[in-house]
Each structure stands twice: as C-alpha cells, then as structure tokens.
Amino acid sequence: AEFLIDLVAVDTDDGPEAEAADRRRVDQIVAGWAKRQAAEDADEAALFATLKPLVVVAKGNNTDMVTDDKRTRGRARPLGPGGQFRLLIGRAWKQNRREFWINGVRLVASVGLAAAFGGCNWKMGLGPKSVKQRAAVVMQACINTS
C-alpha cells in the first residue's frame, strides 16, 4: 500500500523540477487508468451485444432453454409485500439451516453460562443490599454474550 501511495504522491519539497516530474507521472497514471477502463467498457459492451437472452420454457416435467422471442422484453414486475416477505423468510430459513451446528453450540454455551450464573447467584436477594451483586451479574452476562 505504501508503494502505491508513494507512486501517486507529489513531492513539493525537492523543488519545482521534482514537483513537475511527479505531476507528469501522476497524469500518466491517470491517463493509463482511464484508457484501460475505456477498453474494458468497450469489451464488455461488445460481449453483451453478442449475447442473446435466454428464456426458460416449461414443457411438462422438462425445462428447455430457448433464446428470447419478444415474450420477455418487458420489465419484470416488482414483488409485492407478500412476495418480498416470502423471499426474506426463505433466505432466513436457508441461513439458519446452514448455521444449524453453530446455533446449537451457541445454545449449549448459553445454557452452560446460565447454569453457572444461577449456581453462583441463586441466593441473591431483591433488597437494596444486592444491587452490587445484580450489577455484577449483568456485567458478566454482557461480557459473555459479546
């Protein structure tokens, strides 16, 4: 990272000749970057111009991929609240299925911590004398859940 910073830094301490050389170098880098980006954009545009969109056509139990035939040229309709909610629930379900073992380990750790805190502090009273103990339990719980 320091090399890249030094590459585009303009040194103003070594005199006007060094500053002018640094500015020329930075201008060359900017021009080269812009030329490269323009070439990449042109390549992408040429690639997308040659591609034909595909349409999935269902026939019985089979699905076939065919090229676009004016049936799908319109914009897709946005999903309503019900469709968005269904997508959200589906994503959440998939994530929870992927993280099943992680959530199980978290559950076991939480139950173990609850048992430890309960074992240490089960005789804590509700009066003003136990405020310090309750604050300590809350701090321990915050630290262990973070």
N, C-alpha and C. Protein backbone atom coordinates (compact mmCIF):
# COMPACT_ATOMS: atom_id res chain seq x y z
N ALA A 1 0.83 -1.18 0.00
CA ALA A 1 0.00 0.00 0.00
C ALA A 1 0.88 1.25 0.00
N GLU A 2 1.97 1.22 0.74
CA GLU A 2 2.85 2.39 0.77
C GLU A 2 3.45 2.66 -0.60
N PHE A 3 3.75 1.60 -1.36
CA PHE A 3 4.29 1.78 -2.70
C PHE A 3 3.31 2.55 -3.57
N LEU A 4 2.02 2.19 -3.50
CA LEU A 4 1.01 2.88 -4.31
C LEU A 4 0.84 4.32 -3.87
N ILE A 5 0.92 4.57 -2.58
CA ILE A 5 0.83 5.94 -2.09
C ILE A 5 2.02 6.75 -2.59
N ASP A 6 3.22 6.17 -2.50
CA ASP A 6 4.40 6.87 -2.98
C ASP A 6 4.35 7.09 -4.49
N LEU A 7 3.70 6.18 -5.21
CA LEU A 7 3.61 6.28 -6.66
C LEU A 7 2.79 7.48 -7.09
N VAL A 8 1.75 7.82 -6.35
CA VAL A 8 0.90 8.94 -6.74
C VAL A 8 1.13 10.20 -5.91
N ALA A 9 2.09 10.16 -5.00
CA ALA A 9 2.38 11.32 -4.17
C ALA A 9 3.19 12.34 -4.97
N VAL A 10 2.88 13.61 -4.76
CA VAL A 10 3.61 14.69 -5.40
C VAL A 10 4.51 15.32 -4.35
N ASP A 11 5.83 15.30 -4.61
CA ASP A 11 6.81 15.84 -3.68
C ASP A 11 7.03 17.31 -3.97
N THR A 12 6.66 18.16 -3.02
CA THR A 12 6.82 19.60 -3.23
C THR A 12 8.04 20.15 -2.52
N ASP A 13 8.78 19.31 -1.81
CA ASP A 13 9.92 19.79 -1.04
C ASP A 13 11.22 19.85 -1.84
N ASP A 14 11.34 19.08 -2.92
CA ASP A 14 12.60 18.99 -3.65
C ASP A 14 12.71 19.98 -4.80
N GLY A 15 11.83 20.93 -4.89
CA GLY A 15 11.94 21.94 -5.91
C GLY A 15 10.90 21.77 -7.01
N PRO A 16 10.82 22.77 -7.88
CA PRO A 16 9.80 22.76 -8.93
C PRO A 16 10.01 21.66 -9.98
N GLU A 17 11.29 21.30 -10.26
CA GLU A 17 11.53 20.26 -11.27
C GLU A 17 11.01 18.91 -10.79
N ALA A 18 11.26 18.56 -9.53
CA ALA A 18 10.80 17.30 -8.98
C ALA A 18 9.27 17.29 -8.89
N GLU A 19 8.69 18.42 -8.53
CA GLU A 19 7.24 18.50 -8.45
C GLU A 19 6.61 18.32 -9.83
N ALA A 20 7.20 18.95 -10.84
CA ALA A 20 6.67 18.81 -12.20
C ALA A 20 6.80 17.36 -12.69
N ALA A 21 7.91 16.71 -12.38
CA ALA A 21 8.09 15.31 -12.77
C ALA A 21 7.06 14.41 -12.08
N ASP A 22 6.81 14.67 -10.79
CA ASP A 22 5.82 13.89 -10.07
C ASP A 22 4.42 14.10 -10.65
N ARG A 23 4.10 15.34 -10.98
CA ARG A 23 2.77 15.61 -11.57
C ARG A 23 2.63 14.93 -12.93
N ARG A 24 3.71 14.92 -13.74
CA ARG A 24 3.66 14.22 -15.04
C ARG A 24 3.43 12.73 -14.83
N ARG A 25 4.12 12.15 -13.84
CA ARG A 25 3.95 10.73 -13.55
C ARG A 25 2.51 10.42 -13.13
N VAL A 26 1.94 11.25 -12.26
CA VAL A 26 0.56 11.05 -11.81
C VAL A 26 -0.40 11.21 -12.99
N ASP A 27 -0.16 12.23 -13.86
CA ASP A 27 -1.02 12.41 -15.03
C ASP A 27 -0.94 11.21 -15.97
N GLN A 28 0.24 10.62 -16.12
CA GLN A 28 0.38 9.42 -16.97
C GLN A 28 -0.38 8.24 -16.36
N ILE A 29 -0.32 8.10 -15.05
CA ILE A 29 -1.04 7.02 -14.39
C ILE A 29 -2.54 7.19 -14.58
N VAL A 30 -3.03 8.43 -14.40
CA VAL A 30 -4.46 8.70 -14.57
C VAL A 30 -4.89 8.43 -16.01
N ALA A 31 -4.08 8.88 -16.98
CA ALA A 31 -4.43 8.66 -18.38
C ALA A 31 -4.42 7.16 -18.72
N GLY A 32 -3.44 6.44 -18.23
CA GLY A 32 -3.38 5.00 -18.48
C GLY A 32 -4.56 4.28 -17.85
N TRP A 33 -4.94 4.68 -16.65
CA TRP A 33 -6.08 4.06 -15.98
C TRP A 33 -7.37 4.33 -16.75
N ALA A 34 -7.55 5.57 -17.22
CA ALA A 34 -8.75 5.90 -17.97
C ALA A 34 -8.80 5.14 -19.29
N LYS A 35 -7.64 5.00 -19.95
CA LYS A 35 -7.57 4.26 -21.22
C LYS A 35 -7.92 2.79 -20.99
N ARG A 36 -7.39 2.22 -19.92
CA ARG A 36 -7.68 0.82 -19.61
C ARG A 36 -9.15 0.63 -19.30
N GLN A 37 -9.74 1.55 -18.51
CA GLN A 37 -11.16 1.44 -18.17
C GLN A 37 -12.03 1.57 -19.42
N ALA A 38 -11.68 2.48 -20.32
CA ALA A 38 -12.45 2.63 -21.56
C ALA A 38 -12.38 1.37 -22.40
N ALA A 39 -11.20 0.74 -22.46
CA ALA A 39 -11.05 -0.50 -23.22
C ALA A 39 -11.88 -1.62 -22.60
N GLU A 40 -11.89 -1.72 -21.28
CA GLU A 40 -12.70 -2.74 -20.61
C GLU A 40 -14.19 -2.51 -20.85
N ASP A 41 -14.63 -1.24 -20.79
CA ASP A 41 -16.03 -0.94 -21.04
C ASP A 41 -16.43 -1.30 -22.46
N ALA A 42 -15.54 -1.02 -23.42
CA ALA A 42 -15.83 -1.36 -24.82
C ALA A 42 -15.90 -2.87 -25.00
N ASP A 43 -15.00 -3.60 -24.35
CA ASP A 43 -15.02 -5.06 -24.44
C ASP A 43 -16.30 -5.63 -23.85
N GLU A 44 -16.74 -5.10 -22.69
CA GLU A 44 -17.97 -5.57 -22.07
C GLU A 44 -19.17 -5.27 -22.95
N ALA A 45 -19.21 -4.06 -23.55
CA ALA A 45 -20.33 -3.70 -24.41
C ALA A 45 -20.39 -4.62 -25.63
N ALA A 46 -19.22 -4.93 -26.21
CA ALA A 46 -19.19 -5.84 -27.36
C ALA A 46 -19.65 -7.23 -26.96
N LEU A 47 -19.26 -7.69 -25.79
CA LEU A 47 -19.66 -9.01 -25.33
C LEU A 47 -21.16 -9.08 -25.11
N PHE A 48 -21.73 -8.08 -24.44
CA PHE A 48 -23.16 -8.10 -24.18
C PHE A 48 -23.98 -7.91 -25.45
N ALA A 49 -23.43 -7.24 -26.44
CA ALA A 49 -24.15 -7.06 -27.70
C ALA A 49 -24.29 -8.39 -28.44
N THR A 50 -23.35 -9.30 -28.25
CA THR A 50 -23.41 -10.58 -28.96
C THR A 50 -24.25 -11.62 -28.25
N LEU A 51 -24.53 -11.43 -26.95
CA LEU A 51 -25.31 -12.41 -26.19
C LEU A 51 -26.80 -12.23 -26.45
N LYS A 52 -27.51 -13.34 -26.50
CA LYS A 52 -28.96 -13.30 -26.62
C LYS A 52 -29.54 -13.80 -25.30
N PRO A 53 -30.52 -13.07 -24.76
CA PRO A 53 -31.11 -13.53 -23.51
C PRO A 53 -31.80 -14.88 -23.69
N LEU A 54 -31.82 -15.65 -22.62
CA LEU A 54 -32.45 -16.96 -22.65
C LEU A 54 -33.77 -16.93 -21.89
N VAL A 55 -34.68 -17.76 -22.33
CA VAL A 55 -35.97 -17.89 -21.68
C VAL A 55 -36.13 -19.35 -21.29
N VAL A 56 -36.62 -19.60 -20.08
CA VAL A 56 -36.87 -20.97 -19.65
C VAL A 56 -38.32 -21.29 -19.99
N VAL A 57 -38.50 -22.32 -20.77
CA VAL A 57 -39.84 -22.75 -21.17
C VAL A 57 -40.11 -24.10 -20.53
N ALA A 58 -41.18 -24.19 -19.76
CA ALA A 58 -41.52 -25.44 -19.09
C ALA A 58 -42.47 -26.23 -19.97
N LYS A 59 -42.13 -27.49 -20.22
CA LYS A 59 -42.97 -28.39 -21.00
C LYS A 59 -43.13 -29.67 -20.20
N GLY A 60 -44.24 -29.79 -19.52
CA GLY A 60 -44.45 -30.98 -18.70
C GLY A 60 -43.46 -31.01 -17.56
N ASN A 61 -42.67 -32.09 -17.50
CA ASN A 61 -41.66 -32.23 -16.45
C ASN A 61 -40.30 -31.71 -16.89
N ASN A 62 -40.17 -31.30 -18.15
CA ASN A 62 -38.88 -30.85 -18.68
C ASN A 62 -38.86 -29.33 -18.77
N THR A 63 -37.66 -28.78 -18.67
CA THR A 63 -37.49 -27.35 -18.92
C THR A 63 -36.45 -27.20 -20.01
N ASP A 64 -36.74 -26.33 -20.96
CA ASP A 64 -35.83 -26.09 -22.07
C ASP A 64 -35.38 -24.64 -22.04
N MET A 65 -34.16 -24.40 -22.47
CA MET A 65 -33.64 -23.05 -22.58
C MET A 65 -33.72 -22.66 -24.05
N VAL A 66 -34.43 -21.57 -24.35
CA VAL A 66 -34.53 -21.09 -25.71
C VAL A 66 -34.16 -19.62 -25.73
N THR A 67 -33.80 -19.12 -26.90
CA THR A 67 -33.42 -17.71 -26.99
C THR A 67 -34.66 -16.83 -26.88
N ASP A 68 -34.44 -15.58 -26.56
CA ASP A 68 -35.51 -14.61 -26.33
C ASP A 68 -36.36 -14.44 -27.58
N ASP A 69 -37.68 -14.42 -27.42
CA ASP A 69 -38.55 -14.23 -28.57
C ASP A 69 -39.66 -13.23 -28.27
N LYS A 70 -39.29 -12.06 -27.83
CA LYS A 70 -40.19 -10.93 -27.58
C LYS A 70 -41.18 -11.18 -26.45
N ARG A 71 -41.19 -12.37 -25.85
CA ARG A 71 -42.10 -12.61 -24.74
C ARG A 71 -41.58 -11.97 -23.46
N THR A 72 -40.28 -11.83 -23.35
CA THR A 72 -39.70 -11.36 -22.09
C THR A 72 -39.04 -10.00 -22.23
N ARG A 73 -39.39 -9.25 -23.22
CA ARG A 73 -38.73 -7.96 -23.43
C ARG A 73 -39.17 -6.90 -22.43
N GLY A 74 -40.34 -7.06 -21.81
CA GLY A 74 -40.82 -6.07 -20.85
C GLY A 74 -40.07 -6.19 -19.53
N ARG A 75 -40.26 -5.20 -18.70
CA ARG A 75 -39.61 -5.22 -17.39
C ARG A 75 -40.35 -6.16 -16.47
N ALA A 76 -39.61 -6.77 -15.58
CA ALA A 76 -40.21 -7.67 -14.60
C ALA A 76 -41.01 -6.83 -13.59
N ARG A 77 -42.15 -7.36 -13.16
CA ARG A 77 -42.95 -6.64 -12.18
C ARG A 77 -42.27 -6.71 -10.82
N PRO A 78 -42.29 -5.61 -10.08
CA PRO A 78 -41.71 -5.67 -8.73
C PRO A 78 -42.58 -6.54 -7.83
N LEU A 79 -41.95 -7.17 -6.88
CA LEU A 79 -42.68 -8.02 -5.94
C LEU A 79 -43.47 -7.17 -4.96
N GLY A 80 -44.61 -7.68 -4.59
CA GLY A 80 -45.41 -7.01 -3.57
C GLY A 80 -44.89 -7.35 -2.19
N PRO A 81 -45.53 -6.82 -1.16
CA PRO A 81 -45.08 -7.09 0.21
C PRO A 81 -45.08 -8.57 0.56
N GLY A 82 -46.10 -9.30 0.08
CA GLY A 82 -46.15 -10.74 0.38
C GLY A 82 -44.99 -11.49 -0.26
N GLY A 83 -44.68 -11.17 -1.52
CA GLY A 83 -43.56 -11.83 -2.19
C GLY A 83 -42.23 -11.49 -1.56
N GLN A 84 -42.06 -10.23 -1.17
CA GLN A 84 -40.82 -9.83 -0.50
C GLN A 84 -40.68 -10.54 0.84
N PHE A 85 -41.79 -10.65 1.58
CA PHE A 85 -41.74 -11.34 2.87
C PHE A 85 -41.40 -12.81 2.67
N ARG A 86 -41.97 -13.44 1.64
CA ARG A 86 -41.68 -14.84 1.37
C ARG A 86 -40.20 -15.03 1.02
N LEU A 87 -39.64 -14.11 0.22
CA LEU A 87 -38.20 -14.19 -0.09
C LEU A 87 -37.36 -14.04 1.17
N LEU A 88 -37.74 -13.10 2.03
CA LEU A 88 -37.00 -12.86 3.26
C LEU A 88 -37.03 -14.08 4.17
N ILE A 89 -38.21 -14.68 4.32
CA ILE A 89 -38.33 -15.87 5.16
C ILE A 89 -37.51 -17.01 4.56
N GLY A 90 -37.54 -17.16 3.24
CA GLY A 90 -36.76 -18.22 2.60
C GLY A 90 -35.28 -18.05 2.82
N ARG A 91 -34.79 -16.82 2.70
CA ARG A 91 -33.36 -16.56 2.93
C ARG A 91 -32.97 -16.83 4.38
N ALA A 92 -33.83 -16.38 5.30
CA ALA A 92 -33.54 -16.60 6.72
C ALA A 92 -33.53 -18.09 7.04
N TRP A 93 -34.47 -18.86 6.46
CA TRP A 93 -34.52 -20.30 6.70
C TRP A 93 -33.26 -20.98 6.18
N LYS A 94 -32.83 -20.59 4.97
CA LYS A 94 -31.60 -21.18 4.39
C LYS A 94 -30.39 -20.87 5.25
N GLN A 95 -30.30 -19.63 5.74
CA GLN A 95 -29.15 -19.26 6.57
C GLN A 95 -29.17 -20.04 7.88
N ASN A 96 -30.33 -20.18 8.49
CA ASN A 96 -30.41 -20.94 9.74
C ASN A 96 -30.10 -22.41 9.51
N ARG A 97 -30.50 -22.97 8.39
CA ARG A 97 -30.17 -24.36 8.08
C ARG A 97 -28.66 -24.53 7.90
N ARG A 98 -28.03 -23.55 7.24
CA ARG A 98 -26.57 -23.62 7.06
C ARG A 98 -25.85 -23.54 8.39
N GLU A 99 -26.36 -22.72 9.30
CA GLU A 99 -25.69 -22.46 10.57
C GLU A 99 -26.29 -23.27 11.72
N PHE A 100 -26.88 -24.42 11.41
CA PHE A 100 -27.54 -25.24 12.42
C PHE A 100 -26.59 -25.60 13.55
N TRP A 101 -25.40 -26.10 13.23
CA TRP A 101 -24.46 -26.54 14.27
C TRP A 101 -23.92 -25.36 15.07
N ILE A 102 -23.71 -24.24 14.40
CA ILE A 102 -23.22 -23.05 15.11
C ILE A 102 -24.26 -22.59 16.12
N ASN A 103 -25.52 -22.55 15.70
CA ASN A 103 -26.59 -22.14 16.62
C ASN A 103 -26.73 -23.13 17.77
N GLY A 104 -26.52 -24.42 17.48
CA GLY A 104 -26.57 -25.42 18.55
C GLY A 104 -25.47 -25.20 19.57
N VAL A 105 -24.27 -24.90 19.11
CA VAL A 105 -23.15 -24.64 20.03
C VAL A 105 -23.43 -23.39 20.85
N ARG A 106 -23.99 -22.37 20.21
CA ARG A 106 -24.35 -21.16 20.95
C ARG A 106 -25.38 -21.46 22.03
N LEU A 107 -26.37 -22.30 21.69
CA LEU A 107 -27.40 -22.67 22.67
C LEU A 107 -26.79 -23.40 23.86
N VAL A 108 -25.90 -24.35 23.60
CA VAL A 108 -25.26 -25.10 24.68
C VAL A 108 -24.42 -24.17 25.55
N ALA A 109 -23.69 -23.25 24.92
CA ALA A 109 -22.87 -22.30 25.69
C ALA A 109 -23.74 -21.39 26.53
N SER A 110 -24.86 -20.94 25.98
CA SER A 110 -25.75 -20.06 26.74
C SER A 110 -26.37 -20.79 27.93
N VAL A 111 -26.77 -22.04 27.72
CA VAL A 111 -27.33 -22.82 28.83
C VAL A 111 -26.27 -23.05 29.90
N GLY A 112 -25.04 -23.35 29.49
CA GLY A 112 -23.95 -23.53 30.46
C GLY A 112 -23.68 -22.27 31.26
N LEU A 113 -23.65 -21.12 30.58
CA LEU A 113 -23.43 -19.86 31.29
C LEU A 113 -24.59 -19.55 32.24
N ALA A 114 -25.82 -19.84 31.79
CA ALA A 114 -26.97 -19.59 32.66
C ALA A 114 -26.89 -20.47 33.91
N ALA A 115 -26.48 -21.72 33.73
CA ALA A 115 -26.33 -22.61 34.88
C ALA A 115 -25.23 -22.11 35.82
N ALA A 116 -24.13 -21.64 35.26
CA ALA A 116 -23.04 -21.14 36.10
C ALA A 116 -23.46 -19.88 36.87
N PHE A 117 -24.12 -18.95 36.18
CA PHE A 117 -24.56 -17.74 36.87
C PHE A 117 -25.62 -18.07 37.91
N GLY A 118 -26.54 -18.97 37.57
CA GLY A 118 -27.57 -19.36 38.54
C GLY A 118 -26.99 -20.04 39.75
N GLY A 119 -25.98 -20.89 39.52
CA GLY A 119 -25.33 -21.57 40.65
C GLY A 119 -24.59 -20.61 41.56
N CYS A 120 -24.00 -19.58 40.99
CA CYS A 120 -23.24 -18.62 41.80
C CYS A 120 -24.15 -17.60 42.49
N ASN A 121 -25.25 -17.25 41.86
CA ASN A 121 -26.04 -16.12 42.34
C ASN A 121 -27.48 -16.48 42.67
N TRP A 122 -27.77 -17.73 42.97
CA TRP A 122 -29.16 -18.12 43.17
C TRP A 122 -29.76 -17.63 44.47
N LYS A 123 -28.93 -17.25 45.43
CA LYS A 123 -29.45 -16.75 46.71
C LYS A 123 -29.43 -15.22 46.77
N MET A 124 -29.32 -14.58 45.63
CA MET A 124 -29.27 -13.13 45.61
C MET A 124 -30.65 -12.59 46.00
N GLY A 125 -30.67 -11.63 46.89
CA GLY A 125 -31.94 -11.09 47.35
C GLY A 125 -32.47 -10.01 46.42
N LEU A 126 -33.62 -9.48 46.78
CA LEU A 126 -34.24 -8.43 45.99
C LEU A 126 -34.12 -7.06 46.65
N GLY A 127 -33.49 -6.99 47.78
CA GLY A 127 -33.39 -5.74 48.52
C GLY A 127 -32.26 -4.86 48.01
N PRO A 128 -32.11 -3.71 48.68
CA PRO A 128 -31.08 -2.76 48.26
C PRO A 128 -29.65 -3.25 48.50
N LYS A 129 -29.48 -4.25 49.35
CA LYS A 129 -28.13 -4.77 49.62
C LYS A 129 -27.58 -5.56 48.44
N SER A 130 -28.46 -6.05 47.57
CA SER A 130 -28.00 -6.91 46.48
C SER A 130 -27.82 -6.16 45.15
N VAL A 131 -27.85 -4.84 45.18
CA VAL A 131 -27.71 -4.06 43.94
C VAL A 131 -26.35 -4.31 43.30
N LYS A 132 -25.30 -4.34 44.12
CA LYS A 132 -23.96 -4.58 43.58
C LYS A 132 -23.87 -5.96 42.94
N GLN A 133 -24.45 -6.94 43.58
CA GLN A 133 -24.40 -8.30 43.03
C GLN A 133 -25.17 -8.38 41.71
N ARG A 134 -26.34 -7.74 41.66
CA ARG A 134 -27.12 -7.77 40.41
C ARG A 134 -26.38 -7.04 39.30
N ALA A 135 -25.73 -5.93 39.62
CA ALA A 135 -24.95 -5.20 38.61
C ALA A 135 -23.79 -6.06 38.12
N ALA A 136 -23.17 -6.81 39.03
CA ALA A 136 -22.06 -7.69 38.63
C ALA A 136 -22.55 -8.80 37.71
N VAL A 137 -23.73 -9.34 37.99
CA VAL A 137 -24.29 -10.40 37.14
C VAL A 137 -24.60 -9.84 35.75
N VAL A 138 -25.15 -8.64 35.70
CA VAL A 138 -25.45 -8.02 34.40
C VAL A 138 -24.17 -7.78 33.62
N MET A 139 -23.12 -7.32 34.28
CA MET A 139 -21.83 -7.10 33.60
C MET A 139 -21.26 -8.41 33.09
N GLN A 140 -21.32 -9.46 33.90
CA GLN A 140 -20.82 -10.77 33.45
C GLN A 140 -21.61 -11.27 32.24
N ALA A 141 -22.92 -11.10 32.29
CA ALA A 141 -23.74 -11.54 31.17
C ALA A 141 -23.43 -10.75 29.90
N CYS A 142 -23.23 -9.46 30.02
CA CYS A 142 -22.88 -8.63 28.86
C CYS A 142 -21.55 -9.04 28.27
N ILE A 143 -20.56 -9.27 29.13
CA ILE A 143 -19.23 -9.66 28.65
C ILE A 143 -19.29 -11.02 27.97
N ASN A 144 -20.01 -11.97 28.54
CA ASN A 144 -20.04 -13.31 27.98
C ASN A 144 -20.90 -13.43 26.74
N THR A 145 -21.86 -12.55 26.56
CA THR A 145 -22.68 -12.61 25.34
C THR A 145 -22.09 -11.81 24.20
N SER A 146 -21.09 -11.01 24.46
CA SER A 146 -20.49 -10.21 23.38
C SER A 146 -19.49 -11.01 22.57
